[in-house]
Amino acid sequence: MKRDAATAAPLSSTGYEVADWFAANELYQDNGWTDGLPIVPPTEPLVHAFLEAAGLPADHVVGIEPVRRRRITAEKVAIAAVMAGCRPAYMPVVLAVVRAMCAPEFGLHGTTASTGGSAQLIVVNGPVRHALGMNATHNVLANASRANATIGRTARLLILNVLGGTPGRLDRSTLGHPGKFTFCVAEDEEDNPWTPLATERGVPPGESAVTVLAAGAPHQLMNEWTRDPRELLETYAATMRANLLTYSIWPGNYAIVIARQHRDVLVAAGWSKRDVREYVYERARVRRGEWRSFQAIACSRPPLPMRSTFTPGIVPERRFGWQRGGARDRG
């Protein structure tokens, strides 16, 4: 296939001669160029194929990290996408994610350097979900789709190699969480009366888009003993209140992932996304006096003995989220 002259131009990144793919992986591991998992070696033909799929020259600036003014070029995005295991067809979504991350309101530097350890939660909407075979139902926050896994991983590899987000250096996360490997989901828009997230945020229906939110680790909850919407949502609000009492008094933003079982109950009762949002907003509050009392009690009690427990949660199947202070980019 004949390439466009712009996308076939020489790459600026340093090349290395290695014996085979195993040696390439050892090179990347030894130099800290990967997230600890194996990578697909970004050979020059592969990088050019990804640039061709994107229709961009290697030196095209996709985004600039606003604080340290680090430029992220199409070449670097293509290299990261190859390393992560993407297909060339994923490039439009990957590019949209990078542009959203570089929007000043997202706060890419702060979320990378903070001790809080957030990861880039990526929500994909629109027809591109089906075109790329993205997962939007069972096991949606885990291993179920190559597209979900590799698109999310590309963001982390870019932060690591282009922005210098190495743990213990720029990345000052105290604990981090598994979402820092990959944290990408598609919203299940089919057989669902609720308005998709991207449409709520101003994207015309039928168009593809991504929404990016710096998010902490997922917290699963369970309530299968009521069909009363208020009693059901009180579980969500109580989880947020517990987080405020035990983590930080600052409210922050929350993305709620609602499983199909709960969504069906809410829809049957005639509740819209807005109804859910307003109820949780009113109920998920902690007074400063409660916070002070809780901290005083926690500090006065002797530590409890440690024991290993596990409470099963609900497998996320259908979800929605909302966000303030995040960033959105159309695919």
C-alpha atoms as a PDB file:
ATOM      1  CA  MET A   1       0.000   0.000   0.000  1.00  0.00           C
ATOM      2  CA  LYS A   2       1.345   3.394  -0.967  1.00  0.00           C
ATOM      3  CA  ARG A   3       1.596   5.784   1.959  1.00  0.00           C
ATOM      4  CA  ASP A   4       0.964   9.487   1.967  1.00  0.00           C
ATOM      5  CA  ALA A   5       4.249  11.378   1.925  1.00  0.00           C
ATOM      6  CA  ALA A   6       3.470  13.124   5.200  1.00  0.00           C
ATOM      7  CA  THR A   7       2.688   9.936   7.142  1.00  0.00           C
ATOM      8  CA  ALA A   8       5.668   8.112   5.587  1.00  0.00           C
ATOM      9  CA  ALA A   9       8.196  10.773   6.635  1.00  0.00           C
ATOM     10  CA  PRO A  10      11.106   9.576   8.833  1.00  0.00           C
ATOM     11  CA  LEU A  11      10.393   9.238  12.539  1.00  0.00           C
ATOM     12  CA  SER A  12      12.239  11.383  15.062  1.00  0.00           C
ATOM     13  CA  SER A  13      12.340   8.832  17.874  1.00  0.00           C
ATOM     14  CA  THR A  14      15.546   6.906  18.535  1.00  0.00           C
ATOM     15  CA  GLY A  15      15.683   3.430  16.999  1.00  0.00           C
ATOM     16  CA  TYR A  16      17.258   0.346  18.584  1.00  0.00           C
ATOM     17  CA  GLU A  17      18.495  -2.885  17.001  1.00  0.00           C
ATOM     18  CA  VAL A  18      17.373  -5.977  18.935  1.00  0.00           C
ATOM     19  CA  ALA A  19      17.534  -9.693  18.234  1.00  0.00           C
ATOM     20  CA  ASP A  20      13.822 -10.468  18.599  1.00  0.00           C
ATOM     21  CA  TRP A  21      10.593  -9.496  20.376  1.00  0.00           C
ATOM     22  CA  PHE A  22      11.795 -10.990  23.649  1.00  0.00           C
ATOM     23  CA  ALA A  23      14.939  -8.859  23.521  1.00  0.00           C
ATOM     24  CA  ALA A  24      12.826  -5.808  22.684  1.00  0.00           C
ATOM     25  CA  ASN A  25      10.674  -6.400  25.757  1.00  0.00           C
ATOM     26  CA  GLU A  26      13.745  -6.813  27.946  1.00  0.00           C
ATOM     27  CA  LEU A  27      15.113  -3.521  26.586  1.00  0.00           C
ATOM     28  CA  TYR A  28      11.884  -1.705  27.449  1.00  0.00           C
ATOM     29  CA  GLN A  29      11.619  -3.302  30.882  1.00  0.00           C
ATOM     30  CA  ASP A  30      15.251  -2.537  31.761  1.00  0.00           C
ATOM     31  CA  ASN A  31      14.829   1.129  30.809  1.00  0.00           C
ATOM     32  CA  GLY A  32      11.503   1.646  32.576  1.00  0.00           C
ATOM     33  CA  TRP A  33       9.673   2.360  29.327  1.00  0.00           C
ATOM     34  CA  THR A  34       6.700   0.142  30.113  1.00  0.00           C
ATOM     35  CA  ASP A  35       4.154  -0.365  32.875  1.00  0.00           C
ATOM     36  CA  GLY A  36       5.648  -3.693  33.905  1.00  0.00           C
ATOM     37  CA  LEU A  37       3.636  -5.703  31.392  1.00  0.00           C
ATOM     38  CA  PRO A  38       4.969  -6.948  28.028  1.00  0.00           C
ATOM     39  CA  ILE A  39       4.633  -4.618  25.063  1.00  0.00           C
ATOM     40  CA  VAL A  40       4.315  -4.924  21.305  1.00  0.00           C
ATOM     41  CA  PRO A  41       7.642  -3.606  19.939  1.00  0.00           C
ATOM     42  CA  PRO A  42       6.887  -0.355  18.067  1.00  0.00           C
ATOM     43  CA  THR A  43       8.713  -1.059  14.822  1.00  0.00           C
ATOM     44  CA  GLU A  44       8.898   1.695  12.225  1.00  0.00           C
ATOM     45  CA  PRO A  45       6.452  -0.005   9.816  1.00  0.00           C
ATOM     46  CA  LEU A  46       3.910  -0.440  12.609  1.00  0.00           C
ATOM     47  CA  VAL A  47       4.218   3.166  13.767  1.00  0.00           C
ATOM     48  CA  HIS A  48       3.758   4.378  10.184  1.00  0.00           C
ATOM     49  CA  ALA A  49       0.677   2.158   9.815  1.00  0.00           C
ATOM     50  CA  PHE A  50      -0.855   3.768  12.911  1.00  0.00           C
ATOM     51  CA  LEU A  51      -0.031   7.267  11.668  1.00  0.00           C
ATOM     52  CA  GLU A  52      -1.631   6.417   8.352  1.00  0.00           C
ATOM     53  CA  ALA A  53      -4.766   5.218  10.137  1.00  0.00           C
ATOM     54  CA  ALA A  54      -4.850   8.540  11.994  1.00  0.00           C
ATOM     55  CA  GLY A  55      -4.167  10.543   8.824  1.00  0.00           C
ATOM     56  CA  LEU A  56      -1.530  12.589  10.654  1.00  0.00           C
ATOM     57  CA  PRO A  57       2.163  13.338  10.071  1.00  0.00           C
ATOM     58  CA  ALA A  58       4.568  12.200  12.757  1.00  0.00           C
ATOM     59  CA  ASP A  59       5.322  15.733  13.968  1.00  0.00           C
ATOM     60  CA  HIS A  60       1.695  16.803  14.342  1.00  0.00           C
ATOM     61  CA  VAL A  61       1.111  18.078  17.885  1.00  0.00           C
ATOM     62  CA  VAL A  62      -1.929  16.288  19.290  1.00  0.00           C
ATOM     63  CA  GLY A  63      -1.846  18.059  22.643  1.00  0.00           C
ATOM     64  CA  ILE A  64       0.305  20.006  25.082  1.00  0.00           C
ATOM     65  CA  GLU A  65       0.388  19.264  28.805  1.00  0.00           C
ATOM     66  CA  PRO A  66      -0.550  22.723  30.128  1.00  0.00           C
ATOM     67  CA  VAL A  67       1.729  23.029  33.194  1.00  0.00           C
ATOM     68  CA  ARG A  68       5.132  21.871  31.960  1.00  0.00           C
ATOM     69  CA  ARG A  69       4.275  22.499  28.304  1.00  0.00           C
ATOM     70  CA  ARG A  70       5.206  18.986  27.188  1.00  0.00           C
ATOM     71  CA  ARG A  71       4.227  18.407  23.548  1.00  0.00           C
ATOM     72  CA  ILE A  72       2.597  15.095  22.644  1.00  0.00           C
ATOM     73  CA  THR A  73       3.084  14.405  18.953  1.00  0.00           C
ATOM     74  CA  ALA A  74       1.219  11.963  16.739  1.00  0.00           C
ATOM     75  CA  GLU A  75       4.395   9.887  16.513  1.00  0.00           C
ATOM     76  CA  LYS A  76       4.552   9.438  20.283  1.00  0.00           C
ATOM     77  CA  VAL A  77       0.849   8.590  20.423  1.00  0.00           C
ATOM     78  CA  ALA A  78       1.291   5.988  17.677  1.00  0.00           C
ATOM     79  CA  ILE A  79       4.281   4.448  19.464  1.00  0.00           C
ATOM     80  CA  ALA A  80       2.340   4.185  22.728  1.00  0.00           C
ATOM     81  CA  ALA A  81      -0.681   2.702  20.950  1.00  0.00           C
ATOM     82  CA  VAL A  82       1.469   0.039  19.279  1.00  0.00           C
ATOM     83  CA  MET A  83       3.157  -0.764  22.597  1.00  0.00           C
ATOM     84  CA  ALA A  84      -0.212  -1.077  24.361  1.00  0.00           C
ATOM     85  CA  GLY A  85      -1.473  -3.613  21.817  1.00  0.00           C
ATOM     86  CA  CYS A  86      -3.943  -1.406  19.949  1.00  0.00           C
ATOM     87  CA  ARG A  87      -5.065  -1.914  16.396  1.00  0.00           C
ATOM     88  CA  PRO A  88      -4.587   0.990  13.944  1.00  0.00           C
ATOM     89  CA  ALA A  89      -8.370   1.477  13.879  1.00  0.00           C
ATOM     90  CA  TYR A  90      -8.278   2.532  17.536  1.00  0.00           C
ATOM     91  CA  MET A  91      -6.272   5.667  16.767  1.00  0.00           C
ATOM     92  CA  PRO A  92      -9.230   8.110  16.452  1.00  0.00           C
ATOM     93  CA  VAL A  93     -10.375   7.208  19.974  1.00  0.00           C
ATOM     94  CA  VAL A  94      -6.828   7.302  21.348  1.00  0.00           C
ATOM     95  CA  LEU A  95      -6.281  10.753  19.839  1.00  0.00           C
ATOM     96  CA  ALA A  96      -9.565  12.016  21.298  1.00  0.00           C
ATOM     97  CA  VAL A  97      -8.480  10.749  24.728  1.00  0.00           C
ATOM     98  CA  VAL A  98      -5.135  12.570  24.482  1.00  0.00           C
ATOM     99  CA  ARG A  99      -6.816  15.830  23.473  1.00  0.00           C
ATOM    100  CA  ALA A 100      -9.251  15.552  26.384  1.00  0.00           C
ATOM    101  CA  MET A 101      -6.438  14.814  28.841  1.00  0.00           C
ATOM    102  CA  CYS A 102      -4.556  17.897  27.656  1.00  0.00           C
ATOM    103  CA  ALA A 103      -7.516  20.232  28.187  1.00  0.00           C
ATOM    104  CA  PRO A 104      -6.544  22.628  31.017  1.00  0.00           C
ATOM    105  CA  GLU A 105      -9.671  21.849  33.049  1.00  0.00           C
ATOM    106  CA  PHE A 106      -8.673  18.181  33.266  1.00  0.00           C
ATOM    107  CA  GLY A 107      -5.542  18.988  35.278  1.00  0.00           C
ATOM    108  CA  LEU A 108      -3.247  16.340  33.780  1.00  0.00           C
ATOM    109  CA  HIS A 109      -0.137  17.391  35.679  1.00  0.00           C
ATOM    110  CA  GLY A 110      -1.875  17.628  39.039  1.00  0.00           C
ATOM    111  CA  THR A 111      -3.620  14.278  38.704  1.00  0.00           C
ATOM    112  CA  THR A 112      -0.346  12.659  37.637  1.00  0.00           C
ATOM    113  CA  ALA A 113       1.846  14.157  40.359  1.00  0.00           C
ATOM    114  CA  SER A 114      -0.627  13.958  43.261  1.00  0.00           C
ATOM    115  CA  THR A 115      -0.229  11.460  46.086  1.00  0.00           C
ATOM    116  CA  GLY A 116      -3.916  10.574  45.621  1.00  0.00           C
ATOM    117  CA  GLY A 117      -3.109   8.085  42.874  1.00  0.00           C
ATOM    118  CA  SER A 118      -5.965   8.711  40.437  1.00  0.00           C
ATOM    119  CA  ALA A 119      -6.139   7.175  36.965  1.00  0.00           C
ATOM    120  CA  GLN A 120      -7.695   8.342  33.716  1.00  0.00           C
ATOM    121  CA  LEU A 121     -11.226   6.908  33.633  1.00  0.00           C
ATOM    122  CA  ILE A 122     -12.236   6.939  29.965  1.00  0.00           C
ATOM    123  CA  VAL A 123     -15.889   6.605  28.925  1.00  0.00           C
ATOM    124  CA  VAL A 124     -16.580   6.030  25.219  1.00  0.00           C
ATOM    125  CA  ASN A 125     -19.925   6.819  23.589  1.00  0.00           C
ATOM    126  CA  GLY A 126     -21.373   6.529  20.109  1.00  0.00           C
ATOM    127  CA  PRO A 127     -21.078   4.192  17.102  1.00  0.00           C
ATOM    128  CA  VAL A 128     -17.314   3.772  17.495  1.00  0.00           C
ATOM    129  CA  ARG A 129     -18.011   1.424  20.428  1.00  0.00           C
ATOM    130  CA  HIS A 130     -19.425  -1.183  18.062  1.00  0.00           C
ATOM    131  CA  ALA A 131     -16.935  -0.517  15.289  1.00  0.00           C
ATOM    132  CA  LEU A 132     -14.040  -1.328  17.632  1.00  0.00           C
ATOM    133  CA  GLY A 133     -15.777  -4.136  19.517  1.00  0.00           C
ATOM    134  CA  MET A 134     -15.687  -2.349  22.860  1.00  0.00           C
ATOM    135  CA  ASN A 135     -17.246  -3.949  25.931  1.00  0.00           C
ATOM    136  CA  ALA A 136     -20.144  -2.155  27.617  1.00  0.00           C
ATOM    137  CA  THR A 137     -21.723  -4.881  29.718  1.00  0.00           C
ATOM    138  CA  HIS A 138     -20.337  -7.843  31.684  1.00  0.00           C
ATOM    139  CA  ASN A 139     -17.042  -7.320  33.512  1.00  0.00           C
ATOM    140  CA  VAL A 140     -16.891  -3.856  31.988  1.00  0.00           C
ATOM    141  CA  LEU A 141     -14.254  -2.557  34.410  1.00  0.00           C
ATOM    142  CA  ALA A 142     -11.985  -5.549  33.869  1.00  0.00           C
ATOM    143  CA  ASN A 143     -10.783  -7.989  31.222  1.00  0.00           C
ATOM    144  CA  ALA A 144     -13.362  -8.387  28.470  1.00  0.00           C
ATOM    145  CA  SER A 145     -12.247  -6.402  25.415  1.00  0.00           C
ATOM    146  CA  ARG A 146      -8.982  -5.728  23.633  1.00  0.00           C
ATOM    147  CA  ALA A 147     -10.126  -2.238  22.681  1.00  0.00           C
ATOM    148  CA  ASN A 148     -11.067  -1.261  26.250  1.00  0.00           C
ATOM    149  CA  ALA A 149      -7.816  -2.641  27.647  1.00  0.00           C
ATOM    150  CA  THR A 150      -5.394  -1.223  25.101  1.00  0.00           C
ATOM    151  CA  ILE A 151      -6.950   2.228  24.638  1.00  0.00           C
ATOM    152  CA  GLY A 152      -6.800   2.785  28.376  1.00  0.00           C
ATOM    153  CA  ARG A 153      -3.270   1.404  28.575  1.00  0.00           C
ATOM    154  CA  THR A 154      -2.089   3.782  25.840  1.00  0.00           C
ATOM    155  CA  ALA A 155      -2.914   6.757  28.059  1.00  0.00           C
ATOM    156  CA  ARG A 156      -0.757   5.349  30.863  1.00  0.00           C
ATOM    157  CA  LEU A 157       2.202   4.605  28.565  1.00  0.00           C
ATOM    158  CA  LEU A 158       2.075   8.174  27.221  1.00  0.00           C
ATOM    159  CA  ILE A 159       2.102   9.589  30.742  1.00  0.00           C
ATOM    160  CA  LEU A 160       5.038   7.336  31.595  1.00  0.00           C
ATOM    161  CA  ASN A 161       7.217   7.921  28.536  1.00  0.00           C
ATOM    162  CA  VAL A 162       6.281  11.366  27.217  1.00  0.00           C
ATOM    163  CA  LEU A 163       5.327  13.206  30.398  1.00  0.00           C
ATOM    164  CA  GLY A 164       7.819  11.490  32.694  1.00  0.00           C
ATOM    165  CA  GLY A 165       5.144  10.062  34.988  1.00  0.00           C
ATOM    166  CA  THR A 166       7.447   7.482  36.572  1.00  0.00           C
ATOM    167  CA  PRO A 167       6.303   6.181  39.981  1.00  0.00           C
ATOM    168  CA  GLY A 168       8.402   7.682  42.752  1.00  0.00           C
ATOM    169  CA  ARG A 169       9.484  10.577  40.550  1.00  0.00           C
ATOM    170  CA  LEU A 170       6.837  12.749  38.924  1.00  0.00           C
ATOM    171  CA  ASP A 171       4.143  10.214  39.806  1.00  0.00           C
ATOM    172  CA  ARG A 172       3.935  10.571  43.592  1.00  0.00           C
ATOM    173  CA  SER A 173       0.988   8.224  44.132  1.00  0.00           C
ATOM    174  CA  THR A 174       1.046   6.786  47.633  1.00  0.00           C
ATOM    175  CA  LEU A 175      -0.823   3.606  46.676  1.00  0.00           C
ATOM    176  CA  GLY A 176      -2.244   4.025  43.194  1.00  0.00           C
ATOM    177  CA  HIS A 177      -4.786   1.451  42.006  1.00  0.00           C
ATOM    178  CA  PRO A 178      -5.170  -1.140  39.213  1.00  0.00           C
ATOM    179  CA  GLY A 179      -6.904   1.413  36.988  1.00  0.00           C
ATOM    180  CA  LYS A 180      -3.479   2.898  36.368  1.00  0.00           C
ATOM    181  CA  PHE A 181      -2.849  -0.022  34.035  1.00  0.00           C
ATOM    182  CA  THR A 182      -6.049   0.654  32.100  1.00  0.00           C
ATOM    183  CA  PHE A 183      -9.400   2.267  32.995  1.00  0.00           C
ATOM    184  CA  CYS A 184     -11.550   2.480  29.858  1.00  0.00           C
ATOM    185  CA  VAL A 185     -15.232   1.587  29.460  1.00  0.00           C
ATOM    186  CA  ALA A 186     -17.925   1.944  26.825  1.00  0.00           C
ATOM    187  CA  GLU A 187     -21.393   3.058  27.884  1.00  0.00           C
ATOM    188  CA  ASP A 188     -24.206   0.638  27.095  1.00  0.00           C
ATOM    189  CA  GLU A 189     -26.585   2.869  25.156  1.00  0.00           C
ATOM    190  CA  GLU A 190     -28.805   0.111  23.720  1.00  0.00           C
ATOM    191  CA  ASP A 191     -32.080  -0.935  25.357  1.00  0.00           C
ATOM    192  CA  ASN A 192     -31.566   1.943  27.755  1.00  0.00           C
ATOM    193  CA  PRO A 193     -33.993   4.855  28.095  1.00  0.00           C
ATOM    194  CA  TRP A 194     -31.455   7.097  29.804  1.00  0.00           C
ATOM    195  CA  THR A 195     -29.577   9.705  27.772  1.00  0.00           C
ATOM    196  CA  PRO A 196     -25.941   8.731  27.063  1.00  0.00           C
ATOM    197  CA  LEU A 197     -23.235  10.627  28.927  1.00  0.00           C
ATOM    198  CA  ALA A 198     -21.769  12.269  25.825  1.00  0.00           C
ATOM    199  CA  THR A 199     -25.184  13.520  24.719  1.00  0.00           C
ATOM    200  CA  GLU A 200     -25.770  14.974  28.189  1.00  0.00           C
ATOM    201  CA  ARG A 201     -22.482  16.814  27.817  1.00  0.00           C
ATOM    202  CA  GLY A 202     -23.420  18.432  24.518  1.00  0.00           C
ATOM    203  CA  VAL A 203     -22.363  15.951  21.825  1.00  0.00           C
ATOM    204  CA  PRO A 204     -25.076  15.492  19.157  1.00  0.00           C
ATOM    205  CA  PRO A 205     -26.824  12.092  19.276  1.00  0.00           C
ATOM    206  CA  GLY A 206     -25.216   9.535  16.976  1.00  0.00           C
ATOM    207  CA  GLU A 207     -21.716  11.006  17.202  1.00  0.00           C
ATOM    208  CA  SER A 208     -18.807   9.282  18.886  1.00  0.00           C
ATOM    209  CA  ALA A 209     -17.044  10.915  21.821  1.00  0.00           C
ATOM    210  CA  VAL A 210     -14.901  10.260  24.874  1.00  0.00           C
ATOM    211  CA  THR A 211     -15.154  11.673  28.391  1.00  0.00           C
ATOM    212  CA  VAL A 212     -12.117  11.555  30.674  1.00  0.00           C
ATOM    213  CA  LEU A 213     -12.190  11.843  34.462  1.00  0.00           C
ATOM    214  CA  ALA A 214      -9.308  11.484  36.929  1.00  0.00           C
ATOM    215  CA  ALA A 215     -10.746   8.841  39.240  1.00  0.00           C
ATOM    216  CA  GLY A 216      -9.756   6.866  42.287  1.00  0.00           C
ATOM    217  CA  ALA A 217     -10.217   3.131  42.632  1.00  0.00           C
ATOM    218  CA  PRO A 218     -13.696   1.705  41.966  1.00  0.00           C
ATOM    219  CA  HIS A 219     -15.783   0.904  45.040  1.00  0.00           C
ATOM    220  CA  GLN A 220     -18.460  -1.735  44.576  1.00  0.00           C
ATOM    221  CA  LEU A 221     -21.641  -1.783  46.637  1.00  0.00           C
ATOM    222  CA  MET A 222     -24.591  -4.155  46.947  1.00  0.00           C
ATOM    223  CA  ASN A 223     -28.303  -3.693  47.612  1.00  0.00           C
ATOM    224  CA  GLU A 224     -30.571  -6.497  46.409  1.00  0.00           C
ATOM    225  CA  TRP A 225     -33.209  -6.353  49.146  1.00  0.00           C
ATOM    226  CA  THR A 226     -35.379  -3.436  48.005  1.00  0.00           C
ATOM    227  CA  ARG A 227     -37.124  -2.129  44.915  1.00  0.00           C
ATOM    228  CA  ASP A 228     -37.767   1.286  46.388  1.00  0.00           C
ATOM    229  CA  PRO A 229     -35.668   3.837  44.435  1.00  0.00           C
ATOM    230  CA  ARG A 230     -34.935   5.943  47.506  1.00  0.00           C
ATOM    231  CA  GLU A 231     -33.859   2.991  49.605  1.00  0.00           C
ATOM    232  CA  LEU A 232     -31.738   1.753  46.725  1.00  0.00           C
ATOM    233  CA  LEU A 233     -30.027   5.094  46.147  1.00  0.00           C
ATOM    234  CA  GLU A 234     -29.482   5.565  49.852  1.00  0.00           C
ATOM    235  CA  THR A 235     -26.865   2.808  49.529  1.00  0.00           C
ATOM    236  CA  TYR A 236     -25.002   4.902  46.950  1.00  0.00           C
ATOM    237  CA  ALA A 237     -25.268   8.047  49.070  1.00  0.00           C
ATOM    238  CA  ALA A 238     -24.129   6.176  52.185  1.00  0.00           C
ATOM    239  CA  THR A 239     -21.058   4.927  50.326  1.00  0.00           C
ATOM    240  CA  MET A 240     -20.149   8.491  49.401  1.00  0.00           C
ATOM    241  CA  ARG A 241     -20.725   9.690  52.960  1.00  0.00           C
ATOM    242  CA  ALA A 242     -18.437   6.953  54.260  1.00  0.00           C
ATOM    243  CA  ASN A 243     -15.767   8.075  51.829  1.00  0.00           C
ATOM    244  CA  LEU A 244     -16.090  11.652  53.063  1.00  0.00           C
ATOM    245  CA  LEU A 245     -15.727  10.533  56.674  1.00  0.00           C
ATOM    246  CA  THR A 246     -12.781   8.203  56.150  1.00  0.00           C
ATOM    247  CA  TYR A 247     -10.867   9.803  53.307  1.00  0.00           C
ATOM    248  CA  SER A 248     -11.388  13.530  52.937  1.00  0.00           C
ATOM    249  CA  ILE A 249     -13.934  16.148  53.970  1.00  0.00           C
ATOM    250  CA  TRP A 250     -13.604  17.757  50.537  1.00  0.00           C
ATOM    251  CA  PRO A 251     -16.537  16.663  48.360  1.00  0.00           C
ATOM    252  CA  GLY A 252     -14.759  16.041  45.042  1.00  0.00           C
ATOM    253  CA  ASN A 253     -16.513  14.515  42.032  1.00  0.00           C
ATOM    254  CA  TYR A 254     -18.044  11.055  41.797  1.00  0.00           C
ATOM    255  CA  ALA A 255     -18.771   8.878  38.765  1.00  0.00           C
ATOM    256  CA  ILE A 256     -21.587   6.457  39.531  1.00  0.00           C
ATOM    257  CA  VAL A 257     -21.647   3.136  37.715  1.00  0.00           C
ATOM    258  CA  ILE A 258     -25.125   1.597  37.910  1.00  0.00           C
ATOM    259  CA  ALA A 259     -25.607  -2.086  37.181  1.00  0.00           C
ATOM    260  CA  ARG A 260     -28.501  -3.254  35.050  1.00  0.00           C
ATOM    261  CA  GLN A 261     -30.299  -4.735  38.066  1.00  0.00           C
ATOM    262  CA  HIS A 262     -30.470  -1.338  39.763  1.00  0.00           C
ATOM    263  CA  ARG A 263     -31.076   0.596  36.584  1.00  0.00           C
ATOM    264  CA  ASP A 264     -34.135  -1.519  35.769  1.00  0.00           C
ATOM    265  CA  VAL A 265     -35.596  -0.812  39.218  1.00  0.00           C
ATOM    266  CA  LEU A 266     -35.075   2.923  38.823  1.00  0.00           C
ATOM    267  CA  VAL A 267     -36.470   3.019  35.285  1.00  0.00           C
ATOM    268  CA  ALA A 268     -39.539   0.980  36.278  1.00  0.00           C
ATOM    269  CA  ALA A 269     -40.238   3.566  38.990  1.00  0.00           C
ATOM    270  CA  GLY A 270     -40.016   6.360  36.421  1.00  0.00           C
ATOM    271  CA  TRP A 271     -36.728   7.814  37.653  1.00  0.00           C
ATOM    272  CA  SER A 272     -34.514   9.641  35.183  1.00  0.00           C
ATOM    273  CA  LYS A 273     -30.796  10.286  35.442  1.00  0.00           C
ATOM    274  CA  ARG A 274     -31.607  13.744  36.706  1.00  0.00           C
ATOM    275  CA  ASP A 275     -33.822  12.334  39.450  1.00  0.00           C
ATOM    276  CA  VAL A 276     -31.040  10.002  40.556  1.00  0.00           C
ATOM    277  CA  ARG A 277     -28.473  12.756  40.416  1.00  0.00           C
ATOM    278  CA  GLU A 278     -30.547  15.191  42.474  1.00  0.00           C
ATOM    279  CA  TYR A 279     -31.463  12.620  45.124  1.00  0.00           C
ATOM    280  CA  VAL A 280     -27.857  11.490  45.613  1.00  0.00           C
ATOM    281  CA  TYR A 281     -26.670  15.104  45.642  1.00  0.00           C
ATOM    282  CA  GLU A 282     -29.015  15.907  48.514  1.00  0.00           C
ATOM    283  CA  ARG A 283     -28.280  12.744  50.497  1.00  0.00           C
ATOM    284  CA  ALA A 284     -24.512  12.346  50.029  1.00  0.00           C
ATOM    285  CA  ARG A 285     -23.570  15.067  52.505  1.00  0.00           C
ATOM    286  CA  VAL A 286     -21.559  15.109  55.709  1.00  0.00           C
ATOM    287  CA  ARG A 287     -21.659  17.963  58.207  1.00  0.00           C
ATOM    288  CA  ARG A 288     -18.359  19.212  59.543  1.00  0.00           C
ATOM    289  CA  GLY A 289     -19.490  18.303  63.039  1.00  0.00           C
ATOM    290  CA  GLU A 290     -19.952  14.671  61.959  1.00  0.00           C
ATOM    291  CA  TRP A 291     -16.501  14.621  60.456  1.00  0.00           C
ATOM    292  CA  ARG A 292     -14.898  16.014  63.603  1.00  0.00           C
ATOM    293  CA  SER A 293     -16.778  13.557  65.828  1.00  0.00           C
ATOM    294  CA  PHE A 294     -15.885  10.606  63.639  1.00  0.00           C
ATOM    295  CA  GLN A 295     -12.204  11.519  63.562  1.00  0.00           C
ATOM    296  CA  ALA A 296     -12.184  11.997  67.350  1.00  0.00           C
ATOM    297  CA  ILE A 297     -13.737   8.550  67.871  1.00  0.00           C
ATOM    298  CA  ALA A 298     -11.395   6.937  65.369  1.00  0.00           C
ATOM    299  CA  CYS A 299      -8.350   8.438  67.052  1.00  0.00           C
ATOM    300  CA  SER A 300      -9.451   7.494  70.589  1.00  0.00           C
ATOM    301  CA  ARG A 301     -10.130   3.827  69.896  1.00  0.00           C
ATOM    302  CA  PRO A 302      -7.375   1.158  69.928  1.00  0.00           C
ATOM    303  CA  PRO A 303      -6.696  -0.430  66.536  1.00  0.00           C
ATOM    304  CA  LEU A 304      -8.910  -3.388  65.702  1.00  0.00           C
ATOM    305  CA  PRO A 305      -7.348  -6.773  64.895  1.00  0.00           C
ATOM    306  CA  MET A 306      -6.866  -7.332  61.171  1.00  0.00           C
ATOM    307  CA  ARG A 307      -8.895  -9.990  59.428  1.00  0.00           C
ATOM    308  CA  SER A 308      -9.386 -10.944  55.825  1.00  0.00           C
ATOM    309  CA  THR A 309     -12.930 -10.503  54.512  1.00  0.00           C
ATOM    310  CA  PHE A 310     -14.603 -10.178  51.139  1.00  0.00           C
ATOM    311  CA  THR A 311     -18.053  -8.843  50.367  1.00  0.00           C
ATOM    312  CA  PRO A 312     -19.355  -9.714  46.907  1.00  0.00           C
ATOM    313  CA  GLY A 313     -20.608  -6.802  44.830  1.00  0.00           C
ATOM    314  CA  ILE A 314     -22.676  -6.355  41.699  1.00  0.00           C
ATOM    315  CA  VAL A 315     -21.055  -6.906  38.332  1.00  0.00           C
ATOM    316  CA  PRO A 316     -21.379  -3.570  36.480  1.00  0.00           C
ATOM    317  CA  GLU A 317     -23.426  -4.013  33.332  1.00  0.00           C
ATOM    318  CA  ARG A 318     -25.134  -0.741  32.497  1.00  0.00           C
ATOM    319  CA  ARG A 319     -23.892   2.492  33.801  1.00  0.00           C
ATOM    320  CA  PHE A 320     -23.869   6.211  33.624  1.00  0.00           C
ATOM    321  CA  GLY A 321     -21.707   8.827  35.148  1.00  0.00           C
ATOM    322  CA  TRP A 322     -21.495  12.550  35.467  1.00  0.00           C
ATOM    323  CA  GLN A 323     -18.590  14.826  35.896  1.00  0.00           C
ATOM    324  CA  ARG A 324     -17.694  18.357  36.798  1.00  0.00           C
ATOM    325  CA  GLY A 325     -14.291  19.783  35.979  1.00  0.00           C
ATOM    326  CA  GLY A 326     -13.392  16.993  33.551  1.00  0.00           C
ATOM    327  CA  ALA A 327     -12.788  17.053  29.863  1.00  0.00           C
ATOM    328  CA  ARG A 328     -14.578  15.714  26.803  1.00  0.00           C
ATOM    329  CA  ASP A 329     -13.383  15.287  23.253  1.00  0.00           C
ATOM    330  CA  ARG A 330     -15.326  14.040  20.259  1.00  0.00           C
ATOM    331  CA  GLY A 331     -13.891  11.160  18.352  1.00  0.00           C
END
